Amino acid sequence: MQLDRKLMQFVFALCLAVGFLAPWNSSIAFAAVLCKGEGTATLPSCTGKFAGYQGCTSTNTSDPSYIVSGGAKIEKRQSNDCDAKWTRVTNVSGQTGYIAASTKYGCSTYCCNQSIQSGGAVANLSQVYTPMKGLTSTPTLHCGAFSLYSMSLPVGGSPPNYLGCKYG
């Protein structure tokens, strides 16, 4: 009986040790989707929320036809699991400066937006992500900018040209 108990304690300790030493994949651990599109009976809207905090980044995709404008790489990101999309902007200027991103949507001139700017000057290859816009079927513009100085939001040109923006 005493030997069985010691054997069980050893097996338990071994399993516990292996569990602590095993690699942990946080994208799998936090893959639970916490929002959906513009909301459902069981999940709230994704609009205005950040993808990383809502479980929307574990299966997200980036549009391969990104654009580069004035030192900013502008990408449309999308999660089909969350039925939402957002903009990622990367500083590709080779300099330290501010980056900003806007996801524009609504009305014929994209009159609504989800926007963000880096909290200060950031190094080359740093990124910012806008809050999401629920419903991947919504027509959107994904805009970005790089500047040596702080910018006003939203970023992206005005109609009809929308310089620094990618349709999405």
Protein backbone atom coordinates (compact mmCIF):
# COMPACT_ATOMS: atom_id res chain seq x y z
CA MET A 1 0.00 0.00 0.00
CA GLN A 2 2.80 2.38 0.97
CA LEU A 3 4.65 1.51 -2.26
CA ASP A 4 1.52 2.22 -4.38
CA ARG A 5 1.14 5.59 -2.70
CA LYS A 6 4.79 6.51 -3.28
CA LEU A 7 4.52 5.39 -6.91
CA MET A 8 1.40 7.55 -7.42
CA GLN A 9 3.15 10.54 -5.83
CA PHE A 10 6.14 10.03 -8.12
CA VAL A 11 3.97 9.77 -11.25
CA PHE A 12 2.04 12.90 -10.20
CA ALA A 13 5.27 14.84 -9.58
CA LEU A 14 6.67 13.69 -12.91
CA CYS A 15 3.55 14.78 -14.79
CA LEU A 16 3.60 18.12 -12.99
CA ALA A 17 7.27 18.67 -13.88
CA VAL A 18 6.71 17.77 -17.54
CA GLY A 19 3.76 20.14 -17.66
CA PHE A 20 5.88 23.03 -16.37
CA LEU A 21 8.77 22.25 -18.70
CA ALA A 22 6.67 21.72 -21.83
CA PRO A 23 6.55 24.64 -24.28
CA TRP A 24 3.44 26.77 -23.88
CA ASN A 25 1.68 28.18 -26.92
CA SER A 26 -0.27 31.25 -25.79
CA SER A 27 -2.11 31.57 -29.12
CA ILE A 28 -3.74 28.20 -28.47
CA ALA A 29 -4.38 28.90 -24.79
CA PHE A 30 -6.15 32.19 -25.52
CA ALA A 31 -7.90 31.17 -28.74
CA ALA A 32 -11.41 31.62 -27.31
CA VAL A 33 -13.31 34.17 -29.41
CA LEU A 34 -14.87 36.83 -27.15
CA CYS A 35 -16.73 38.89 -29.79
CA LYS A 36 -18.45 38.36 -33.13
CA GLY A 37 -19.10 40.86 -35.95
CA GLU A 38 -21.58 43.46 -34.76
CA GLY A 39 -22.75 41.20 -31.95
CA THR A 40 -24.86 38.09 -31.55
CA ALA A 41 -27.22 36.74 -28.93
CA THR A 42 -24.24 35.29 -27.05
CA LEU A 43 -21.24 37.47 -28.01
CA PRO A 44 -20.79 41.27 -28.04
CA SER A 45 -19.77 43.34 -31.07
CA CYS A 46 -16.09 43.42 -32.08
CA THR A 47 -16.26 47.05 -33.24
CA GLY A 48 -13.97 49.22 -31.15
CA LYS A 49 -12.20 46.31 -29.48
CA PHE A 50 -8.61 45.20 -30.02
CA ALA A 51 -8.17 41.86 -31.79
CA GLY A 52 -5.44 40.56 -29.48
CA TYR A 53 -7.63 40.90 -26.40
CA GLN A 54 -10.67 39.29 -28.03
CA GLY A 55 -9.11 36.03 -29.28
CA CYS A 56 -9.27 37.22 -32.89
CA THR A 57 -5.57 36.95 -33.73
CA SER A 58 -5.10 33.18 -33.49
CA THR A 59 -6.60 32.64 -36.95
CA ASN A 60 -6.24 36.11 -38.51
CA THR A 61 -4.93 36.72 -42.00
CA SER A 62 -3.20 39.65 -43.66
CA ASP A 63 -4.09 40.79 -47.17
CA PRO A 64 -0.98 39.96 -49.24
CA SER A 65 -1.48 43.06 -51.40
CA TYR A 66 -0.43 45.58 -48.76
CA ILE A 67 0.76 49.06 -49.73
CA VAL A 68 3.70 51.18 -48.62
CA SER A 69 3.12 54.92 -48.41
CA GLY A 70 5.59 57.46 -47.02
CA GLY A 71 7.43 55.02 -44.76
CA ALA A 72 4.30 53.19 -43.56
CA LYS A 73 3.42 49.62 -44.56
CA ILE A 74 -0.39 49.42 -44.50
CA GLU A 75 -2.15 46.05 -44.19
CA LYS A 76 -5.74 44.92 -43.85
CA ARG A 77 -6.01 42.24 -41.16
CA GLN A 78 -9.06 40.01 -40.85
CA SER A 79 -10.43 37.30 -38.58
CA ASN A 80 -13.18 35.13 -40.03
CA ASP A 81 -13.72 33.54 -36.59
CA CYS A 82 -14.55 36.99 -35.16
CA ASP A 83 -16.09 38.35 -38.40
CA ALA A 84 -14.03 41.52 -38.02
CA LYS A 85 -11.16 43.41 -39.63
CA TRP A 86 -8.62 46.01 -38.61
CA THR A 87 -5.52 47.81 -39.88
CA ARG A 88 -1.89 47.11 -39.05
CA VAL A 89 0.71 49.77 -39.86
CA THR A 90 4.44 49.09 -39.67
CA ASN A 91 7.17 51.73 -39.62
CA VAL A 92 9.32 50.82 -42.64
CA SER A 93 10.90 54.27 -42.99
CA GLY A 94 14.28 53.27 -41.56
CA GLN A 95 13.89 56.10 -39.04
CA THR A 96 12.45 56.64 -35.59
CA GLY A 97 9.13 58.49 -35.70
CA TYR A 98 5.39 58.30 -35.15
CA ILE A 99 3.10 55.82 -36.91
CA ALA A 100 -0.66 55.98 -37.07
CA ALA A 101 -3.42 53.80 -38.48
CA SER A 102 -7.11 54.23 -39.29
CA THR A 103 -9.77 51.78 -40.39
CA LYS A 104 -12.43 53.90 -42.10
CA TYR A 105 -15.97 52.72 -42.85
CA GLY A 106 -19.57 53.89 -43.08
CA CYS A 107 -21.47 56.20 -45.46
CA SER A 108 -20.28 56.84 -49.02
CA THR A 109 -17.19 58.77 -47.84
CA TYR A 110 -16.08 56.47 -45.03
CA CYS A 111 -17.24 58.89 -42.33
CA CYS A 112 -16.56 56.58 -39.32
CA ASN A 113 -13.19 55.35 -38.16
CA GLN A 114 -11.24 53.31 -35.67
CA SER A 115 -7.85 55.03 -35.29
CA ILE A 116 -4.66 54.82 -33.24
CA GLN A 117 -1.24 56.46 -33.10
CA SER A 118 1.95 55.19 -31.50
CA GLY A 119 2.30 56.54 -27.97
CA GLY A 120 5.57 58.24 -28.91
CA ALA A 121 8.33 58.01 -31.46
CA VAL A 122 8.98 54.35 -32.33
CA ALA A 123 11.83 52.50 -34.00
CA ASN A 124 11.85 51.10 -37.50
CA LEU A 125 9.69 47.95 -37.86
CA SER A 126 7.47 48.89 -34.90
CA GLN A 127 3.72 48.37 -35.44
CA VAL A 128 0.34 49.72 -34.39
CA TYR A 129 -3.06 48.04 -34.77
CA THR A 130 -6.41 49.80 -34.93
CA PRO A 131 -9.41 48.60 -32.98
CA MET A 132 -11.61 46.29 -35.07
CA LYS A 133 -14.61 46.92 -37.25
CA GLY A 134 -17.16 44.12 -36.99
CA LEU A 135 -18.54 42.46 -40.12
CA THR A 136 -15.90 41.55 -42.71
CA SER A 137 -18.40 42.32 -45.48
CA THR A 138 -18.40 46.05 -44.58
CA PRO A 139 -16.52 48.17 -47.17
CA THR A 140 -13.46 49.65 -45.45
CA LEU A 141 -10.38 51.76 -46.08
CA HIS A 142 -7.17 50.81 -44.28
CA CYS A 143 -4.99 53.90 -43.87
CA GLY A 144 -1.59 54.57 -42.37
CA ALA A 145 1.07 57.20 -42.03
CA PHE A 146 4.59 57.79 -40.77
CA SER A 147 5.84 61.17 -39.52
CA LEU A 148 8.73 62.55 -37.54
CA TYR A 149 6.09 64.38 -35.47
CA SER A 150 2.80 63.54 -33.80
CA MET A 151 -0.20 63.46 -36.17
CA SER A 152 -3.90 64.22 -35.90
CA LEU A 153 -6.31 61.33 -36.35
CA PRO A 154 -7.76 59.85 -38.47
CA VAL A 155 -4.98 59.45 -41.01
CA GLY A 156 -5.44 58.89 -44.73
CA GLY A 157 -6.33 61.17 -47.57
CA SER A 158 -9.71 62.67 -48.29
CA PRO A 159 -12.19 61.71 -51.02
CA PRO A 160 -11.88 60.74 -53.77
CA ASN A 161 -8.14 59.92 -53.66
CA TYR A 162 -7.61 58.58 -50.11
CA LEU A 163 -3.80 58.75 -50.35
CA GLY A 164 -2.11 56.38 -47.90
CA CYS A 165 -5.13 54.09 -47.85
CA LYS A 166 -5.89 50.59 -49.12
CA TYR A 167 -9.42 49.49 -49.93
CA GLY A 168 -10.50 46.45 -48.01
